[in-house]
């Protein structure tokens, strides 16, 4: 065994180092548990909201929709993840959608009314509050 050649002092130093690493790992595990609990709480709040909530990537592919958003469009939540936001707009709506997207890209926000199409083809007005989410690494560097 390689430890047989070590002095008692060396073994004690290694043991101290291992205890420090364990303490750090326990702290990180506790922080991760808190973050997961917080994420679960936020997820439950989003799901229970009566307001339609959706998250998409910059290309417009839906990453998350809550039940209210899916229901108002005539779908189940699972059906919409991966679908494109443009699927909710009719051709005649595209000029106002394009203007909203330009504002969003220029300012990082859009607030206004946009019409959406349901699964059955009927259209309805939606009051939109849209924000770009900044990359965490970018936010931390600012």
N, C-alpha and C. Protein backbone atom coordinates (compact mmCIF):
# COMPACT_ATOMS: atom_id res chain seq x y z
N UNK A 1 0.84 -1.19 0.00
CA UNK A 1 0.00 0.00 0.00
C UNK A 1 0.88 1.24 0.00
N UNK A 2 0.44 2.19 -0.72
CA UNK A 2 1.22 3.40 -0.84
C UNK A 2 1.18 4.25 0.43
N UNK A 3 0.11 4.17 1.20
CA UNK A 3 0.02 4.93 2.45
C UNK A 3 0.94 4.39 3.54
N UNK A 4 1.38 3.18 3.40
CA UNK A 4 2.27 2.57 4.41
C UNK A 4 3.60 3.30 4.49
N UNK A 5 3.99 3.95 3.40
CA UNK A 5 5.27 4.66 3.35
C UNK A 5 5.16 6.10 3.84
N UNK A 6 3.95 6.54 4.20
CA UNK A 6 3.75 7.91 4.63
C UNK A 6 3.89 8.01 6.14
N UNK A 7 4.34 9.18 6.54
CA UNK A 7 4.46 9.42 7.98
C UNK A 7 3.08 9.73 8.56
N UNK A 8 3.01 9.66 9.87
CA UNK A 8 1.76 9.98 10.56
C UNK A 8 1.36 11.42 10.22
N UNK A 9 2.30 12.33 10.17
CA UNK A 9 2.05 13.74 9.87
C UNK A 9 1.45 13.88 8.46
N UNK A 10 2.01 13.17 7.49
CA UNK A 10 1.51 13.23 6.13
C UNK A 10 0.07 12.71 6.06
N UNK A 11 -0.17 11.61 6.76
CA UNK A 11 -1.52 11.06 6.77
C UNK A 11 -2.51 12.02 7.44
N UNK A 12 -2.08 12.67 8.52
CA UNK A 12 -2.94 13.63 9.21
C UNK A 12 -3.23 14.83 8.31
N UNK A 13 -2.20 15.29 7.58
CA UNK A 13 -2.40 16.41 6.65
C UNK A 13 -3.40 16.02 5.55
N UNK A 14 -3.25 14.82 5.02
CA UNK A 14 -4.17 14.34 3.99
C UNK A 14 -5.59 14.25 4.54
N UNK A 15 -5.70 13.74 5.75
CA UNK A 15 -7.01 13.62 6.38
C UNK A 15 -7.63 15.01 6.56
N UNK A 16 -6.84 15.97 6.99
CA UNK A 16 -7.34 17.35 7.13
C UNK A 16 -7.82 17.90 5.80
N UNK A 17 -7.04 17.66 4.74
CA UNK A 17 -7.43 18.11 3.41
C UNK A 17 -8.72 17.46 2.94
N UNK A 18 -8.86 16.19 3.21
CA UNK A 18 -10.09 15.47 2.83
C UNK A 18 -11.29 16.00 3.60
N UNK A 19 -11.09 16.30 4.86
CA UNK A 19 -12.20 16.86 5.66
C UNK A 19 -12.63 18.22 5.10
N UNK A 20 -11.66 19.02 4.68
CA UNK A 20 -11.98 20.33 4.09
C UNK A 20 -12.77 20.14 2.79
N UNK A 21 -12.34 19.20 1.96
CA UNK A 21 -13.04 18.94 0.70
C UNK A 21 -14.46 18.44 0.96
N UNK A 22 -14.63 17.59 1.98
CA UNK A 22 -15.96 17.10 2.33
C UNK A 22 -16.85 18.26 2.77
N UNK A 23 -16.29 19.17 3.58
CA UNK A 23 -17.07 20.32 4.04
C UNK A 23 -17.52 21.18 2.86
N UNK A 24 -16.62 21.40 1.91
CA UNK A 24 -16.97 22.18 0.72
C UNK A 24 -18.06 21.48 -0.08
N UNK A 25 -17.91 20.17 -0.28
CA UNK A 25 -18.91 19.41 -1.03
C UNK A 25 -20.26 19.40 -0.32
N UNK A 26 -20.26 19.31 1.00
CA UNK A 26 -21.52 19.35 1.75
C UNK A 26 -22.19 20.70 1.60
N UNK A 27 -21.40 21.78 1.62
CA UNK A 27 -21.95 23.12 1.42
C UNK A 27 -22.55 23.25 0.03
N UNK A 28 -21.82 22.78 -0.98
CA UNK A 28 -22.32 22.83 -2.36
C UNK A 28 -23.59 22.00 -2.51
N UNK A 29 -23.65 20.85 -1.87
CA UNK A 29 -24.84 20.00 -1.94
C UNK A 29 -26.04 20.71 -1.29
N UNK A 30 -25.82 21.38 -0.17
CA UNK A 30 -26.90 22.11 0.50
C UNK A 30 -27.39 23.26 -0.38
N UNK A 31 -26.45 23.98 -1.01
CA UNK A 31 -26.82 25.08 -1.89
C UNK A 31 -27.60 24.56 -3.09
N UNK A 32 -27.17 23.44 -3.64
CA UNK A 32 -27.87 22.85 -4.79
C UNK A 32 -29.28 22.44 -4.39
N UNK A 33 -29.42 21.86 -3.20
CA UNK A 33 -30.74 21.46 -2.73
C UNK A 33 -31.66 22.68 -2.62
N UNK A 34 -31.14 23.79 -2.08
CA UNK A 34 -31.94 25.01 -1.97
C UNK A 34 -32.34 25.53 -3.34
N UNK A 35 -31.40 25.50 -4.30
CA UNK A 35 -31.70 25.95 -5.66
C UNK A 35 -32.77 25.08 -6.30
N UNK A 36 -32.68 23.77 -6.10
CA UNK A 36 -33.68 22.87 -6.66
C UNK A 36 -35.05 23.11 -6.04
N UNK A 37 -35.10 23.36 -4.74
CA UNK A 37 -36.36 23.67 -4.06
C UNK A 37 -36.94 24.98 -4.59
N UNK A 38 -36.09 25.97 -4.80
CA UNK A 38 -36.52 27.26 -5.35
C UNK A 38 -37.05 27.07 -6.76
N UNK A 39 -36.36 26.31 -7.57
CA UNK A 39 -36.78 26.04 -8.94
C UNK A 39 -38.12 25.32 -8.96
N UNK A 40 -38.30 24.36 -8.07
CA UNK A 40 -39.57 23.64 -7.98
C UNK A 40 -40.70 24.58 -7.60
N UNK A 41 -40.44 25.49 -6.66
CA UNK A 41 -41.44 26.47 -6.23
C UNK A 41 -41.84 27.37 -7.39
N UNK A 42 -40.85 27.88 -8.13
CA UNK A 42 -41.12 28.76 -9.27
C UNK A 42 -41.88 28.00 -10.35
N UNK A 43 -41.49 26.77 -10.60
CA UNK A 43 -42.16 25.94 -11.60
C UNK A 43 -43.63 25.72 -11.23
N UNK A 44 -43.89 25.42 -9.97
CA UNK A 44 -45.27 25.22 -9.52
C UNK A 44 -46.07 26.51 -9.64
N UNK A 45 -45.46 27.64 -9.31
CA UNK A 45 -46.15 28.93 -9.44
C UNK A 45 -46.50 29.21 -10.90
N UNK A 46 -45.57 28.94 -11.80
CA UNK A 46 -45.82 29.17 -13.23
C UNK A 46 -46.95 28.27 -13.72
N UNK A 47 -46.93 27.01 -13.31
CA UNK A 47 -47.96 26.07 -13.75
C UNK A 47 -49.34 26.45 -13.21
N UNK A 48 -49.40 26.98 -11.99
CA UNK A 48 -50.67 27.30 -11.38
C UNK A 48 -51.20 28.67 -11.77
N UNK A 49 -50.41 29.46 -12.46
CA UNK A 49 -50.84 30.80 -12.87
C UNK A 49 -52.00 30.73 -13.85
N UNK A 50 -52.93 31.65 -13.71
CA UNK A 50 -54.03 31.72 -14.67
C UNK A 50 -53.60 32.50 -15.92
N UNK A 51 -52.45 33.14 -15.85
CA UNK A 51 -51.90 33.85 -17.00
C UNK A 51 -51.11 32.87 -17.86
N UNK A 52 -51.21 33.03 -19.16
CA UNK A 52 -50.45 32.18 -20.06
C UNK A 52 -48.98 32.59 -20.04
N UNK A 53 -48.11 31.64 -19.76
CA UNK A 53 -46.67 31.89 -19.71
C UNK A 53 -45.98 30.97 -20.71
N UNK A 54 -45.03 31.54 -21.45
CA UNK A 54 -44.28 30.74 -22.41
C UNK A 54 -42.85 31.25 -22.45
N UNK A 55 -41.92 30.34 -22.71
CA UNK A 55 -40.51 30.67 -22.88
C UNK A 55 -40.08 30.04 -24.20
N UNK A 56 -39.41 30.86 -25.02
CA UNK A 56 -38.90 30.34 -26.29
C UNK A 56 -37.43 30.70 -26.42
N UNK A 57 -36.76 30.04 -27.32
CA UNK A 57 -35.38 30.45 -27.62
C UNK A 57 -35.44 31.60 -28.62
N UNK A 58 -34.29 32.14 -29.01
CA UNK A 58 -34.28 33.29 -29.91
C UNK A 58 -34.82 32.96 -31.30
N UNK A 59 -34.83 31.70 -31.65
CA UNK A 59 -35.39 31.30 -32.94
C UNK A 59 -36.91 31.16 -32.89
N UNK A 60 -37.50 31.26 -31.71
CA UNK A 60 -38.94 31.18 -31.57
C UNK A 60 -39.47 29.80 -31.22
N UNK A 61 -38.58 28.83 -31.01
CA UNK A 61 -39.04 27.49 -30.62
C UNK A 61 -39.40 27.50 -29.13
N UNK A 62 -40.60 27.03 -28.83
CA UNK A 62 -41.06 27.03 -27.44
C UNK A 62 -40.27 26.03 -26.60
N UNK A 63 -39.77 26.51 -25.47
CA UNK A 63 -39.02 25.68 -24.52
C UNK A 63 -39.90 25.28 -23.34
N UNK A 64 -40.87 26.14 -23.02
CA UNK A 64 -41.78 25.89 -21.89
C UNK A 64 -43.07 26.64 -22.14
N UNK A 65 -44.19 26.02 -21.83
CA UNK A 65 -45.49 26.70 -21.77
C UNK A 65 -46.23 26.17 -20.56
N UNK A 66 -46.93 27.05 -19.88
CA UNK A 66 -47.73 26.56 -18.77
C UNK A 66 -49.10 26.10 -19.27
N UNK A 67 -49.88 25.53 -18.40
CA UNK A 67 -51.18 24.97 -18.79
C UNK A 67 -52.12 26.05 -19.31
N UNK A 68 -52.07 27.24 -18.71
CA UNK A 68 -52.97 28.33 -19.14
C UNK A 68 -52.66 28.74 -20.58
N UNK A 69 -51.38 28.85 -20.93
CA UNK A 69 -51.00 29.21 -22.30
C UNK A 69 -51.49 28.14 -23.27
N UNK A 70 -51.24 26.89 -22.95
CA UNK A 70 -51.66 25.79 -23.82
C UNK A 70 -53.19 25.77 -23.98
N UNK A 71 -53.90 25.91 -22.87
CA UNK A 71 -55.36 25.85 -22.88
C UNK A 71 -55.94 26.98 -23.74
N UNK A 72 -55.40 28.20 -23.61
CA UNK A 72 -55.96 29.31 -24.38
C UNK A 72 -55.74 29.14 -25.89
N UNK A 73 -54.76 28.30 -26.24
CA UNK A 73 -54.50 28.05 -27.66
C UNK A 73 -55.12 26.74 -28.15
N UNK A 74 -55.76 26.00 -27.23
CA UNK A 74 -56.44 24.76 -27.62
C UNK A 74 -55.55 23.54 -27.65
N UNK A 75 -54.49 23.54 -26.87
CA UNK A 75 -53.53 22.43 -26.86
C UNK A 75 -53.28 21.96 -25.43
N UNK A 76 -52.55 20.86 -25.32
CA UNK A 76 -51.95 20.42 -24.07
C UNK A 76 -50.52 20.95 -24.06
N UNK A 77 -49.98 21.21 -22.89
CA UNK A 77 -48.63 21.77 -22.76
C UNK A 77 -47.59 20.95 -23.51
N UNK A 78 -47.68 19.64 -23.38
CA UNK A 78 -46.67 18.76 -23.99
C UNK A 78 -46.65 18.88 -25.51
N UNK A 79 -47.79 19.21 -26.11
CA UNK A 79 -47.85 19.33 -27.57
C UNK A 79 -47.09 20.54 -28.09
N UNK A 80 -46.94 21.57 -27.25
CA UNK A 80 -46.39 22.83 -27.73
C UNK A 80 -44.88 22.96 -27.58
N UNK A 81 -44.28 22.23 -26.67
CA UNK A 81 -42.83 22.34 -26.49
C UNK A 81 -42.15 21.90 -27.79
N UNK A 82 -41.31 22.77 -28.31
CA UNK A 82 -40.63 22.51 -29.57
C UNK A 82 -41.33 23.15 -30.76
N UNK A 83 -42.60 23.50 -30.61
CA UNK A 83 -43.31 24.18 -31.70
C UNK A 83 -42.79 25.61 -31.81
N UNK A 84 -43.05 26.23 -32.95
CA UNK A 84 -42.56 27.57 -33.20
C UNK A 84 -43.64 28.61 -32.89
N UNK A 85 -43.22 29.73 -32.33
CA UNK A 85 -44.18 30.80 -32.02
C UNK A 85 -44.96 31.27 -33.24
N UNK A 86 -44.33 31.21 -34.41
CA UNK A 86 -45.01 31.72 -35.60
C UNK A 86 -46.27 30.92 -35.90
N UNK A 87 -46.38 29.72 -35.38
CA UNK A 87 -47.56 28.90 -35.66
C UNK A 87 -48.83 29.50 -35.05
N UNK A 88 -48.70 30.48 -34.19
CA UNK A 88 -49.86 31.11 -33.56
C UNK A 88 -50.31 32.37 -34.30
N UNK A 89 -49.68 32.67 -35.43
CA UNK A 89 -50.00 33.90 -36.16
C UNK A 89 -50.48 33.60 -37.57
N UNK A 90 -51.49 34.37 -37.99
CA UNK A 90 -51.97 34.26 -39.36
C UNK A 90 -51.12 35.17 -40.25
N UNK A 91 -51.10 34.94 -41.55
CA UNK A 91 -50.29 35.78 -42.44
C UNK A 91 -50.58 37.28 -42.31
N UNK A 92 -51.84 37.64 -42.12
CA UNK A 92 -52.16 39.07 -42.01
C UNK A 92 -51.65 39.69 -40.70
N UNK A 93 -51.32 38.87 -39.71
CA UNK A 93 -50.79 39.38 -38.44
C UNK A 93 -49.28 39.62 -38.50
N UNK A 94 -48.61 39.04 -39.48
CA UNK A 94 -47.15 39.05 -39.48
C UNK A 94 -46.51 40.44 -39.48
N UNK A 95 -47.06 41.46 -40.15
CA UNK A 95 -46.43 42.78 -40.04
C UNK A 95 -46.35 43.30 -38.60
N UNK A 96 -47.42 43.12 -37.82
CA UNK A 96 -47.39 43.59 -36.43
C UNK A 96 -46.49 42.69 -35.58
N UNK A 97 -46.43 41.40 -35.89
CA UNK A 97 -45.54 40.48 -35.17
C UNK A 97 -44.08 40.84 -35.46
N UNK A 98 -43.78 41.13 -36.73
CA UNK A 98 -42.42 41.54 -37.10
C UNK A 98 -42.02 42.82 -36.38
N UNK A 99 -42.94 43.78 -36.29
CA UNK A 99 -42.65 45.03 -35.58
C UNK A 99 -42.39 44.76 -34.09
N UNK A 100 -43.18 43.88 -33.49
CA UNK A 100 -42.99 43.53 -32.08
C UNK A 100 -41.63 42.87 -31.88
N UNK A 101 -41.25 41.98 -32.79
CA UNK A 101 -39.95 41.31 -32.69
C UNK A 101 -38.79 42.28 -32.85
N UNK A 102 -38.93 43.25 -33.75
CA UNK A 102 -37.87 44.28 -33.90
C UNK A 102 -37.70 45.07 -32.61
N UNK A 103 -38.83 45.47 -32.01
CA UNK A 103 -38.77 46.20 -30.73
C UNK A 103 -38.11 45.34 -29.66
N UNK A 104 -38.47 44.07 -29.60
CA UNK A 104 -37.89 43.17 -28.61
C UNK A 104 -36.38 43.06 -28.79
N UNK A 105 -35.93 42.89 -30.02
CA UNK A 105 -34.49 42.75 -30.27
C UNK A 105 -33.73 44.05 -30.04
N UNK A 106 -34.37 45.19 -30.30
CA UNK A 106 -33.71 46.50 -30.11
C UNK A 106 -33.65 46.91 -28.64
N UNK A 107 -34.71 46.64 -27.90
CA UNK A 107 -34.81 47.15 -26.53
C UNK A 107 -34.72 46.06 -25.46
N UNK A 108 -34.89 44.80 -25.86
CA UNK A 108 -34.90 43.71 -24.90
C UNK A 108 -36.26 43.48 -24.29
N UNK A 109 -37.27 44.29 -24.72
CA UNK A 109 -38.62 44.17 -24.17
C UNK A 109 -39.66 44.47 -25.24
N UNK A 110 -40.84 43.91 -25.05
CA UNK A 110 -42.00 44.28 -25.85
C UNK A 110 -43.21 44.19 -24.94
N UNK A 111 -44.06 45.20 -25.05
CA UNK A 111 -45.32 45.21 -24.31
C UNK A 111 -46.39 45.70 -25.26
N UNK A 112 -47.42 44.91 -25.47
CA UNK A 112 -48.49 45.32 -26.37
C UNK A 112 -49.41 44.17 -26.68
N UNK A 113 -50.32 44.45 -27.60
CA UNK A 113 -51.31 43.46 -27.99
C UNK A 113 -50.91 42.80 -29.31
N UNK A 114 -50.99 41.50 -29.33
CA UNK A 114 -50.74 40.70 -30.53
C UNK A 114 -51.85 39.67 -30.61
N UNK A 115 -52.33 39.41 -31.80
CA UNK A 115 -53.38 38.41 -31.97
C UNK A 115 -52.76 37.05 -32.18
N UNK A 116 -53.35 36.05 -31.54
CA UNK A 116 -52.89 34.67 -31.67
C UNK A 116 -54.01 33.83 -32.28
N UNK A 117 -53.63 32.75 -32.92
CA UNK A 117 -54.59 31.81 -33.50
C UNK A 117 -54.63 30.55 -32.64
N UNK A 118 -55.84 30.09 -32.38
CA UNK A 118 -56.02 28.83 -31.65
C UNK A 118 -55.88 27.65 -32.62
N UNK A 119 -55.83 26.48 -32.05
CA UNK A 119 -55.77 25.25 -32.85
C UNK A 119 -56.92 25.19 -33.86
N UNK A 120 -58.11 25.65 -33.45
CA UNK A 120 -59.28 25.58 -34.34
C UNK A 120 -59.31 26.71 -35.37
N UNK A 121 -58.30 27.59 -35.36
CA UNK A 121 -58.22 28.67 -36.36
C UNK A 121 -58.80 29.99 -35.91
N UNK A 122 -59.56 30.01 -34.80
CA UNK A 122 -60.09 31.29 -34.33
C UNK A 122 -58.94 32.13 -33.78
N UNK A 123 -59.08 33.44 -33.92
CA UNK A 123 -58.03 34.34 -33.43
C UNK A 123 -58.54 35.11 -32.23
N UNK A 124 -57.61 35.49 -31.37
CA UNK A 124 -57.96 36.22 -30.16
C UNK A 124 -56.81 37.15 -29.79
N UNK A 125 -57.13 38.27 -29.14
CA UNK A 125 -56.07 39.20 -28.76
C UNK A 125 -55.33 38.71 -27.51
N UNK A 126 -54.03 38.92 -27.49
CA UNK A 126 -53.24 38.60 -26.29
C UNK A 126 -52.48 39.85 -25.89
N UNK A 127 -52.49 40.13 -24.63
CA UNK A 127 -51.69 41.21 -24.08
C UNK A 127 -50.35 40.61 -23.71
N UNK A 128 -49.31 41.03 -24.40
CA UNK A 128 -47.99 40.41 -24.25
C UNK A 128 -47.06 41.29 -23.42
N UNK A 129 -46.33 40.67 -22.54
CA UNK A 129 -45.23 41.28 -21.80
C UNK A 129 -44.04 40.37 -22.05
N UNK A 130 -43.12 40.79 -22.89
CA UNK A 130 -42.03 39.92 -23.32
C UNK A 130 -40.70 40.54 -22.93
N UNK A 131 -39.79 39.72 -22.43
CA UNK A 131 -38.43 40.16 -22.08
C UNK A 131 -37.45 39.13 -22.57
N UNK A 132 -36.29 39.60 -22.99
CA UNK A 132 -35.20 38.70 -23.31
C UNK A 132 -34.50 38.33 -22.01
N UNK A 133 -34.24 37.07 -21.81
CA UNK A 133 -33.47 36.62 -20.65
C UNK A 133 -32.00 36.65 -21.03
N UNK A 134 -31.22 37.31 -20.20
CA UNK A 134 -29.79 37.39 -20.47
C UNK A 134 -29.09 36.12 -20.00
N UNK A 135 -28.06 35.74 -20.70
CA UNK A 135 -27.24 34.61 -20.33
C UNK A 135 -26.68 34.85 -18.93
N UNK A 136 -26.73 33.85 -18.07
CA UNK A 136 -26.26 33.99 -16.69
C UNK A 136 -24.80 34.45 -16.62
N UNK A 137 -23.95 33.89 -17.47
CA UNK A 137 -22.53 34.28 -17.48
C UNK A 137 -22.39 35.74 -17.85
N UNK A 138 -23.22 36.20 -18.80
CA UNK A 138 -23.18 37.60 -19.20
C UNK A 138 -23.66 38.49 -18.07
N UNK A 139 -24.77 38.09 -17.40
CA UNK A 139 -25.31 38.87 -16.28
C UNK A 139 -24.28 39.00 -15.17
N UNK A 140 -23.60 37.91 -14.85
CA UNK A 140 -22.63 37.93 -13.77
C UNK A 140 -21.43 38.81 -14.07
N UNK A 141 -21.14 39.02 -15.36
CA UNK A 141 -19.97 39.82 -15.71
C UNK A 141 -20.29 41.31 -15.75
N UNK A 142 -21.58 41.66 -15.73
CA UNK A 142 -21.96 43.09 -15.78
C UNK A 142 -21.91 43.74 -14.42
